[in-house]
Amino acid sequence: MSDAIPPVTAVRPTLPTEYFNKIEYDTRVIKATVRIQNNVQQETVYTYDKYGQLENSVVYKKTLAEV
């Protein structure tokens, strides 16, 4: 009668390779300029991507009485 305990095999912890994927964040720069001429305030908002390319520009105009 043999009550031998089976040998324990070695265990190595491993992480999946996708755990180490590089994460890139979307970086944008926003620049706003405000100009006042006579009775009108004009604000221009420029949006640039992470490479410095202009993505979008928006112009807002209001009279100073509305501001």
PDB file of N, CA and C in Angstrom:
ATOM      1  N   MET A   1       0.844  -1.165   0.000  1.00  0.00           N
ATOM      2  CA  MET A   1       0.000   0.000   0.000  1.00  0.00           C
ATOM      3  C   MET A   1       0.897   1.239   0.000  1.00  0.00           C
ATOM      4  N   SER A   2       0.712   1.996  -1.034  1.00  0.00           N
ATOM      5  CA  SER A   2       1.578   3.156  -1.212  1.00  0.00           C
ATOM      6  C   SER A   2       0.724   4.416  -1.156  1.00  0.00           C
ATOM      7  N   ASP A   3       0.957   5.243  -0.173  1.00  0.00           N
ATOM      8  CA  ASP A   3       0.245   6.514  -0.052  1.00  0.00           C
ATOM      9  C   ASP A   3       1.143   7.653  -0.511  1.00  0.00           C
ATOM     10  N   ALA A   4       1.784   7.478  -1.613  1.00  0.00           N
ATOM     11  CA  ALA A   4       2.721   8.487  -2.111  1.00  0.00           C
ATOM     12  C   ALA A   4       1.953   9.711  -2.612  1.00  0.00           C
ATOM     13  N   ILE A   5       2.468  10.836  -2.298  1.00  0.00           N
ATOM     14  CA  ILE A   5       1.869  12.103  -2.747  1.00  0.00           C
ATOM     15  C   ILE A   5       2.469  12.428  -4.109  1.00  0.00           C
ATOM     16  N   PRO A   6       1.606  12.754  -5.084  1.00  0.00           N
ATOM     17  CA  PRO A   6       2.139  13.083  -6.404  1.00  0.00           C
ATOM     18  C   PRO A   6       2.958  14.373  -6.349  1.00  0.00           C
ATOM     19  N   PRO A   7       3.985  14.480  -7.180  1.00  0.00           N
ATOM     20  CA  PRO A   7       4.822  15.673  -7.170  1.00  0.00           C
ATOM     21  C   PRO A   7       4.041  16.908  -7.628  1.00  0.00           C
ATOM     22  N   VAL A   8       4.437  18.046  -7.102  1.00  0.00           N
ATOM     23  CA  VAL A   8       3.792  19.320  -7.455  1.00  0.00           C
ATOM     24  C   VAL A   8       4.545  19.913  -8.637  1.00  0.00           C
ATOM     25  N   THR A   9       3.817  20.276  -9.658  1.00  0.00           N
ATOM     26  CA  THR A   9       4.461  20.889 -10.828  1.00  0.00           C
ATOM     27  C   THR A   9       4.615  22.381 -10.592  1.00  0.00           C
ATOM     28  N   ALA A  10       5.669  22.936 -11.141  1.00  0.00           N
ATOM     29  CA  ALA A  10       5.941  24.374 -10.968  1.00  0.00           C
ATOM     30  C   ALA A  10       4.921  25.208 -11.739  1.00  0.00           C
ATOM     31  N   VAL A  11       4.560  26.324 -11.155  1.00  0.00           N
ATOM     32  CA  VAL A  11       3.599  27.237 -11.782  1.00  0.00           C
ATOM     33  C   VAL A  11       4.297  28.567 -12.003  1.00  0.00           C
ATOM     34  N   ARG A  12       4.194  29.097 -13.231  1.00  0.00           N
ATOM     35  CA  ARG A  12       4.787  30.403 -13.535  1.00  0.00           C
ATOM     36  C   ARG A  12       3.665  31.393 -13.853  1.00  0.00           C
ATOM     37  N   PRO A  13       3.643  32.491 -13.144  1.00  0.00           N
ATOM     38  CA  PRO A  13       2.605  33.484 -13.461  1.00  0.00           C
ATOM     39  C   PRO A  13       2.937  34.176 -14.788  1.00  0.00           C
ATOM     40  N   THR A  14       1.958  34.287 -15.643  1.00  0.00           N
ATOM     41  CA  THR A  14       2.139  34.990 -16.914  1.00  0.00           C
ATOM     42  C   THR A  14       0.957  35.912 -17.131  1.00  0.00           C
ATOM     43  N   LEU A  15       1.249  37.032 -17.767  1.00  0.00           N
ATOM     44  CA  LEU A  15       0.198  37.982 -18.118  1.00  0.00           C
ATOM     45  C   LEU A  15      -0.032  37.905 -19.617  1.00  0.00           C
ATOM     46  N   PRO A  16      -1.243  38.086 -20.059  1.00  0.00           N
ATOM     47  CA  PRO A  16      -1.486  38.080 -21.504  1.00  0.00           C
ATOM     48  C   PRO A  16      -0.724  39.216 -22.172  1.00  0.00           C
ATOM     49  N   THR A  17      -0.307  39.001 -23.402  1.00  0.00           N
ATOM     50  CA  THR A  17       0.503  40.004 -24.100  1.00  0.00           C
ATOM     51  C   THR A  17      -0.286  41.281 -24.360  1.00  0.00           C
ATOM     52  N   GLU A  18      -1.599  41.180 -24.544  1.00  0.00           N
ATOM     53  CA  GLU A  18      -2.382  42.400 -24.800  1.00  0.00           C
ATOM     54  C   GLU A  18      -2.444  43.315 -23.581  1.00  0.00           C
ATOM     55  N   TYR A  19      -2.029  42.830 -22.433  1.00  0.00           N
ATOM     56  CA  TYR A  19      -1.989  43.661 -21.239  1.00  0.00           C
ATOM     57  C   TYR A  19      -0.945  44.778 -21.383  1.00  0.00           C
ATOM     58  N   PHE A  20       0.047  44.554 -22.195  1.00  0.00           N
ATOM     59  CA  PHE A  20       1.140  45.501 -22.336  1.00  0.00           C
ATOM     60  C   PHE A  20       1.037  46.369 -23.594  1.00  0.00           C
ATOM     61  N   ASN A  21      -0.112  46.409 -24.238  1.00  0.00           N
ATOM     62  CA  ASN A  21      -0.264  47.240 -25.436  1.00  0.00           C
ATOM     63  C   ASN A  21      -0.073  48.711 -25.099  1.00  0.00           C
ATOM     64  N   LYS A  22       0.515  49.426 -26.033  1.00  0.00           N
ATOM     65  CA  LYS A  22       0.743  50.860 -25.855  1.00  0.00           C
ATOM     66  C   LYS A  22      -0.576  51.605 -26.043  1.00  0.00           C
ATOM     67  N   ILE A  23      -0.840  52.541 -25.166  1.00  0.00           N
ATOM     68  CA  ILE A  23      -2.064  53.335 -25.245  1.00  0.00           C
ATOM     69  C   ILE A  23      -1.685  54.742 -25.699  1.00  0.00           C
ATOM     70  N   GLU A  24      -2.322  55.211 -26.778  1.00  0.00           N
ATOM     71  CA  GLU A  24      -2.099  56.569 -27.245  1.00  0.00           C
ATOM     72  C   GLU A  24      -3.343  57.391 -26.946  1.00  0.00           C
ATOM     73  N   TYR A  25      -3.124  58.556 -26.399  1.00  0.00           N
ATOM     74  CA  TYR A  25      -4.223  59.438 -26.072  1.00  0.00           C
ATOM     75  C   TYR A  25      -4.404  60.470 -27.170  1.00  0.00           C
ATOM     76  N   ASP A  26      -5.628  60.856 -27.390  1.00  0.00           N
ATOM     77  CA  ASP A  26      -5.931  61.871 -28.385  1.00  0.00           C
ATOM     78  C   ASP A  26      -5.648  63.230 -27.762  1.00  0.00           C
ATOM     79  N   THR A  27      -4.644  63.905 -28.281  1.00  0.00           N
ATOM     80  CA  THR A  27      -4.246  65.186 -27.723  1.00  0.00           C
ATOM     81  C   THR A  27      -4.675  66.289 -28.680  1.00  0.00           C
ATOM     82  N   ARG A  28      -5.391  67.249 -28.170  1.00  0.00           N
ATOM     83  CA  ARG A  28      -5.829  68.374 -28.987  1.00  0.00           C
ATOM     84  C   ARG A  28      -5.448  69.673 -28.304  1.00  0.00           C
ATOM     85  N   VAL A  29      -5.209  70.677 -29.119  1.00  0.00           N
ATOM     86  CA  VAL A  29      -4.897  72.002 -28.615  1.00  0.00           C
ATOM     87  C   VAL A  29      -6.012  72.931 -29.068  1.00  0.00           C
ATOM     88  N   ILE A  30      -6.493  73.733 -28.151  1.00  0.00           N
ATOM     89  CA  ILE A  30      -7.552  74.692 -28.471  1.00  0.00           C
ATOM     90  C   ILE A  30      -7.033  76.089 -28.203  1.00  0.00           C
ATOM     91  N   LYS A  31      -7.188  76.951 -29.196  1.00  0.00           N
ATOM     92  CA  LYS A  31      -6.746  78.338 -29.069  1.00  0.00           C
ATOM     93  C   LYS A  31      -7.944  79.237 -29.352  1.00  0.00           C
ATOM     94  N   ALA A  32      -8.131  80.229 -28.508  1.00  0.00           N
ATOM     95  CA  ALA A  32      -9.256  81.150 -28.688  1.00  0.00           C
ATOM     96  C   ALA A  32      -8.725  82.579 -28.765  1.00  0.00           C
ATOM     97  N   THR A  33      -9.257  83.337 -29.701  1.00  0.00           N
ATOM     98  CA  THR A  33      -8.913  84.757 -29.803  1.00  0.00           C
ATOM     99  C   THR A  33     -10.195  85.559 -29.707  1.00  0.00           C
ATOM    100  N   VAL A  34     -10.115  86.698 -29.049  1.00  0.00           N
ATOM    101  CA  VAL A  34     -11.272  87.583 -28.890  1.00  0.00           C
ATOM    102  C   VAL A  34     -10.898  88.950 -29.453  1.00  0.00           C
ATOM    103  N   ARG A  35     -11.752  89.457 -30.324  1.00  0.00           N
ATOM    104  CA  ARG A  35     -11.546  90.786 -30.911  1.00  0.00           C
ATOM    105  C   ARG A  35     -12.801  91.611 -30.695  1.00  0.00           C
ATOM    106  N   ILE A  36     -12.587  92.868 -30.414  1.00  0.00           N
ATOM    107  CA  ILE A  36     -13.712  93.792 -30.246  1.00  0.00           C
ATOM    108  C   ILE A  36     -13.539  94.917 -31.245  1.00  0.00           C
ATOM    109  N   GLN A  37     -14.546  95.093 -32.091  1.00  0.00           N
ATOM    110  CA  GLN A  37     -14.554  96.192 -33.060  1.00  0.00           C
ATOM    111  C   GLN A  37     -15.885  96.911 -32.934  1.00  0.00           C
ATOM    112  N   ASN A  38     -15.776  98.192 -32.682  1.00  0.00           N
ATOM    113  CA  ASN A  38     -16.967  99.019 -32.478  1.00  0.00           C
ATOM    114  C   ASN A  38     -17.840  98.411 -31.388  1.00  0.00           C
ATOM    115  N   ASN A  39     -19.002  97.891 -31.751  1.00  0.00           N
ATOM    116  CA  ASN A  39     -19.953  97.370 -30.778  1.00  0.00           C
ATOM    117  C   ASN A  39     -20.077  95.846 -30.862  1.00  0.00           C
ATOM    118  N   VAL A  40     -19.124  95.173 -31.538  1.00  0.00           N
ATOM    119  CA  VAL A  40     -19.232  93.732 -31.778  1.00  0.00           C
ATOM    120  C   VAL A  40     -18.024  93.010 -31.185  1.00  0.00           C
ATOM    121  N   GLN A  41     -18.309  91.956 -30.421  1.00  0.00           N
ATOM    122  CA  GLN A  41     -17.257  91.087 -29.910  1.00  0.00           C
ATOM    123  C   GLN A  41     -17.235  89.828 -30.768  1.00  0.00           C
ATOM    124  N   GLN A  42     -16.054  89.498 -31.305  1.00  0.00           N
ATOM    125  CA  GLN A  42     -15.906  88.309 -32.143  1.00  0.00           C
ATOM    126  C   GLN A  42     -14.906  87.367 -31.492  1.00  0.00           C
ATOM    127  N   GLU A  43     -15.317  86.132 -31.250  1.00  0.00           N
ATOM    128  CA  GLU A  43     -14.441  85.120 -30.667  1.00  0.00           C
ATOM    129  C   GLU A  43     -14.235  84.015 -31.697  1.00  0.00           C
ATOM    130  N   THR A  44     -12.973  83.697 -31.980  1.00  0.00           N
ATOM    131  CA  THR A  44     -12.638  82.620 -32.903  1.00  0.00           C
ATOM    132  C   THR A  44     -11.948  81.509 -32.118  1.00  0.00           C
ATOM    133  N   VAL A  45     -12.460  80.284 -32.245  1.00  0.00           N
ATOM    134  CA  VAL A  45     -11.906  79.134 -31.537  1.00  0.00           C
ATOM    135  C   VAL A  45     -11.302  78.186 -32.582  1.00  0.00           C
ATOM    136  N   TYR A  46      -9.991  77.911 -32.436  1.00  0.00           N
ATOM    137  CA  TYR A  46      -9.280  77.012 -33.336  1.00  0.00           C
ATOM    138  C   TYR A  46      -8.983  75.709 -32.594  1.00  0.00           C
ATOM    139  N   THR A  47      -9.207  74.568 -33.251  1.00  0.00           N
ATOM    140  CA  THR A  47      -8.896  73.261 -32.672  1.00  0.00           C
ATOM    141  C   THR A  47      -7.861  72.578 -33.561  1.00  0.00           C
ATOM    142  N   TYR A  48      -6.736  72.154 -32.932  1.00  0.00           N
ATOM    143  CA  TYR A  48      -5.660  71.481 -33.645  1.00  0.00           C
ATOM    144  C   TYR A  48      -5.522  70.049 -33.140  1.00  0.00           C
ATOM    145  N   ASP A  49      -5.164  69.111 -34.032  1.00  0.00           N
ATOM    146  CA  ASP A  49      -4.927  67.732 -33.599  1.00  0.00           C
ATOM    147  C   ASP A  49      -3.529  67.597 -33.012  1.00  0.00           C
ATOM    148  N   LYS A  50      -3.162  66.363 -32.613  1.00  0.00           N
ATOM    149  CA  LYS A  50      -1.880  66.155 -31.941  1.00  0.00           C
ATOM    150  C   LYS A  50      -0.686  66.378 -32.865  1.00  0.00           C
ATOM    151  N   TYR A  51      -0.928  66.492 -34.178  1.00  0.00           N
ATOM    152  CA  TYR A  51       0.156  66.748 -35.122  1.00  0.00           C
ATOM    153  C   TYR A  51       0.269  68.221 -35.494  1.00  0.00           C
ATOM    154  N   GLY A  52      -0.593  69.067 -34.923  1.00  0.00           N
ATOM    155  CA  GLY A  52      -0.552  70.489 -35.199  1.00  0.00           C
ATOM    156  C   GLY A  52      -1.367  70.905 -36.408  1.00  0.00           C
ATOM    157  N   GLN A  53      -2.142  69.996 -36.963  1.00  0.00           N
ATOM    158  CA  GLN A  53      -2.984  70.313 -38.113  1.00  0.00           C
ATOM    159  C   GLN A  53      -4.314  70.893 -37.635  1.00  0.00           C
ATOM    160  N   LEU A  54      -4.757  71.943 -38.307  1.00  0.00           N
ATOM    161  CA  LEU A  54      -6.030  72.576 -37.949  1.00  0.00           C
ATOM    162  C   LEU A  54      -7.177  71.624 -38.254  1.00  0.00           C
ATOM    163  N   GLU A  55      -7.998  71.321 -37.254  1.00  0.00           N
ATOM    164  CA  GLU A  55      -9.162  70.448 -37.434  1.00  0.00           C
ATOM    165  C   GLU A  55     -10.430  71.244 -37.668  1.00  0.00           C
ATOM    166  N   ASN A  56     -10.573  72.342 -36.915  1.00  0.00           N
ATOM    167  CA  ASN A  56     -11.842  73.046 -36.924  1.00  0.00           C
ATOM    168  C   ASN A  56     -11.626  74.480 -36.462  1.00  0.00           C
ATOM    169  N   SER A  57     -12.433  75.380 -36.983  1.00  0.00           N
ATOM    170  CA  SER A  57     -12.446  76.745 -36.459  1.00  0.00           C
ATOM    171  C   SER A  57     -13.891  77.229 -36.437  1.00  0.00           C
ATOM    172  N   VAL A  58     -14.242  77.912 -35.363  1.00  0.00           N
ATOM    173  CA  VAL A  58     -15.619  78.383 -35.169  1.00  0.00           C
ATOM    174  C   VAL A  58     -15.554  79.850 -34.788  1.00  0.00           C
ATOM    175  N   VAL A  59     -16.447  80.650 -35.363  1.00  0.00           N
ATOM    176  CA  VAL A  59     -16.496  82.081 -35.087  1.00  0.00           C
ATOM    177  C   VAL A  59     -17.825  82.394 -34.405  1.00  0.00           C
ATOM    178  N   TYR A  60     -17.742  83.069 -33.266  1.00  0.00           N
ATOM    179  CA  TYR A  60     -18.932  83.529 -32.540  1.00  0.00           C
ATOM    180  C   TYR A  60     -18.926  85.056 -32.540  1.00  0.00           C
ATOM    181  N   LYS A  61     -20.068  85.652 -32.863  1.00  0.00           N
ATOM    182  CA  LYS A  61     -20.183  87.120 -32.857  1.00  0.00           C
ATOM    183  C   LYS A  61     -21.370  87.519 -32.002  1.00  0.00           C
ATOM    184  N   LYS A  62     -21.144  88.529 -31.165  1.00  0.00           N
ATOM    185  CA  LYS A  62     -22.210  89.086 -30.346  1.00  0.00           C
ATOM    186  C   LYS A  62     -21.999  90.587 -30.233  1.00  0.00           C
ATOM    187  N   THR A  63     -23.089  91.287 -30.075  1.00  0.00           N
ATOM    188  CA  THR A  63     -22.936  92.712 -29.774  1.00  0.00           C
ATOM    189  C   THR A  63     -22.583  92.846 -28.303  1.00  0.00           C
ATOM    190  N   LEU A  64     -21.917  93.901 -27.951  1.00  0.00           N
ATOM    191  CA  LEU A  64     -21.498  94.078 -26.565  1.00  0.00           C
ATOM    192  C   LEU A  64     -22.687  94.190 -25.627  1.00  0.00           C
ATOM    193  N   ALA A  65     -23.834  94.584 -26.117  1.00  0.00           N
ATOM    194  CA  ALA A  65     -25.017  94.663 -25.266  1.00  0.00           C
ATOM    195  C   ALA A  65     -25.505  93.250 -24.867  1.00  0.00           C
ATOM    196  N   GLU A  66     -25.230  92.252 -25.708  1.00  0.00           N
ATOM    197  CA  GLU A  66     -25.635  90.869 -25.417  1.00  0.00           C
ATOM    198  C   GLU A  66     -24.673  90.195 -24.446  1.00  0.00           C
ATOM    199  N   VAL A  67     -23.443  90.646 -24.405  1.00  0.00           N
ATOM    200  CA  VAL A  67     -22.433  90.029 -23.552  1.00  0.00           C
ATOM    201  C   VAL A  67     -22.680  90.457 -22.157  1.00  0.00           C
TER     202      VAL A  67
END
